[in-house]
Protein backbone atom coordinates (compact mmCIF):
# COMPACT_ATOMS: atom_id res chain seq x y z
CA MET A 1 0.00 -0.01 0.00
CA ALA A 2 1.23 3.51 -0.79
CA ASP A 3 2.19 5.80 2.07
CA VAL A 4 -0.81 7.62 3.51
CA HIS A 5 -0.08 11.21 4.46
CA VAL A 6 -3.56 12.78 4.41
CA TYR A 7 -7.01 11.59 5.36
CA LEU A 8 -10.06 13.29 3.98
CA TYR A 9 -13.52 13.08 5.48
CA ALA A 10 -16.41 14.23 3.27
CA GLU A 11 -20.15 14.18 3.85
CA TYR A 12 -23.01 15.33 1.67
CA GLN A 13 -26.25 16.38 3.29
CA VAL A 14 -28.77 14.94 0.86
CA SER A 15 -32.02 13.02 1.02
CA ILE A 16 -31.00 9.96 -0.94
CA PRO A 17 -30.86 6.52 0.71
CA PHE A 18 -27.56 4.83 -0.06
CA ASP A 19 -29.27 1.92 -1.77
CA LYS A 20 -30.59 4.43 -4.38
CA ILE A 21 -27.09 5.65 -5.27
CA ASP A 22 -25.50 4.16 -8.39
CA TRP A 23 -22.06 3.96 -6.73
CA ALA A 24 -20.32 1.73 -9.31
CA PRO A 25 -19.74 4.49 -11.93
CA ILE A 26 -18.83 6.90 -9.15
CA ASN A 27 -16.10 4.51 -8.02
CA VAL A 28 -14.75 4.42 -11.60
CA GLU A 29 -14.52 8.22 -11.71
CA MET A 30 -12.92 8.44 -8.27
CA LYS A 31 -10.16 6.02 -9.26
CA LYS A 32 -9.03 8.43 -11.99
CA PHE A 33 -7.73 10.92 -9.41
CA PRO A 34 -4.01 10.77 -8.67
CA GLY A 35 -2.99 9.96 -5.14
CA LEU A 36 -6.26 8.38 -3.98
CA ILE A 37 -5.23 5.28 -2.06
CA SER A 38 -8.59 4.16 -0.73
CA LYS A 39 -12.11 5.19 0.15
CA THR A 40 -14.53 3.81 2.69
CA TRP A 41 -18.10 4.76 1.85
CA LEU A 42 -20.24 6.13 4.68
CA SER A 43 -24.02 6.29 4.99
CA GLY A 44 -25.55 8.24 7.88
CA LEU A 45 -27.85 6.36 10.22
CA ASN A 46 -31.39 7.67 9.80
CA THR A 47 -30.12 10.79 7.99
CA TYR A 48 -29.51 9.77 4.34
CA SER A 49 -26.25 11.66 4.46
CA VAL A 50 -23.61 10.03 2.32
CA GLY A 51 -19.88 10.44 2.24
CA GLY A 52 -16.60 8.77 2.80
CA PHE A 53 -13.31 8.45 4.54
CA TYR A 54 -10.42 8.69 2.08
CA ALA A 55 -6.66 8.12 2.21
CA PHE A 56 -4.37 10.19 -0.01
CA ASP A 57 -0.66 10.35 -0.63
CA THR A 58 -0.43 14.17 -0.52
CA ARG A 59 -2.42 17.18 0.61
CA GLU A 60 -2.26 18.55 -2.92
CA ASN A 61 -3.88 15.43 -4.38
CA ALA A 62 -6.54 15.47 -1.68
CA GLN A 63 -7.30 19.13 -2.49
CA ALA A 64 -7.45 18.39 -6.22
CA TYR A 65 -10.01 15.66 -5.47
CA ILE A 66 -12.11 18.08 -3.43
CA ASP A 67 -11.97 20.71 -6.19
CA GLY A 68 -12.38 18.32 -9.12
CA LEU A 69 -14.99 15.85 -7.86
CA LEU A 70 -16.57 16.67 -4.50
CA LEU A 71 -17.42 20.34 -5.08
CA PRO A 72 -18.83 19.83 -8.60
CA PHE A 73 -20.95 16.92 -7.38
CA ALA A 74 -22.31 19.00 -4.49
CA ALA A 75 -23.41 21.66 -6.99
CA GLN A 76 -24.91 19.01 -9.30
CA VAL A 77 -27.11 17.47 -6.59
CA ASN A 78 -27.73 20.79 -4.81
CA GLY A 79 -26.34 19.28 -1.62
CA ASN A 80 -24.40 20.70 1.28
CA LEU A 81 -20.87 19.39 1.57
CA ALA A 82 -18.71 19.15 4.67
CA VAL A 83 -15.01 18.33 4.19
CA ARG A 84 -12.14 17.90 6.65
CA LEU A 85 -8.49 17.09 6.00
CA PHE A 86 -6.39 15.24 8.61
CA ASP A 87 -2.62 14.85 8.96
CA ALA A 88 -1.84 11.11 8.93
CA ASP A 89 1.83 11.69 9.76
CA ALA A 90 1.01 13.45 13.03
CA THR A 91 -0.99 10.45 14.23
CA ARG A 92 1.17 7.66 12.76
CA ASP A 93 2.58 6.26 16.05
CA ALA A 94 -0.79 6.39 17.83
CA SER A 95 -2.47 4.68 14.87
CA ILE A 96 0.15 1.93 14.76
CA GLY A 97 -0.51 1.40 18.46
CA MET A 98 -4.16 0.74 17.59
CA ALA A 99 -3.35 -1.70 14.77
CA SER A 100 -4.54 0.64 12.00
CA PRO A 101 -4.58 -1.20 8.66
CA PHE A 102 -3.19 1.95 7.00
CA PHE A 103 0.16 1.79 8.84
CA GLY A 104 0.89 -1.89 9.28
CA LYS A 105 2.71 -3.19 12.33
């Protein structure tokens, strides 16, 4: 696995149940972005919010993903978007201590 340096959390406030989202073509588009190592899809309990937890190799690639995919999609579906970036390097030792699959042993 590539070195993770940035985590991105994103959530759309929409009224679409996850089982109504055609996620397969979205996955194809996401994989075109440089530096995206992985995504874990998220679906809010009883809220129909949808989002994900992403791992990126650089902050620049994470920002390019926000600008190139997340923001345009928010405008397309007229949804509110919340995004947070996290420093994976700062929490590396603590994450290893919790057996994080992103850092190995």
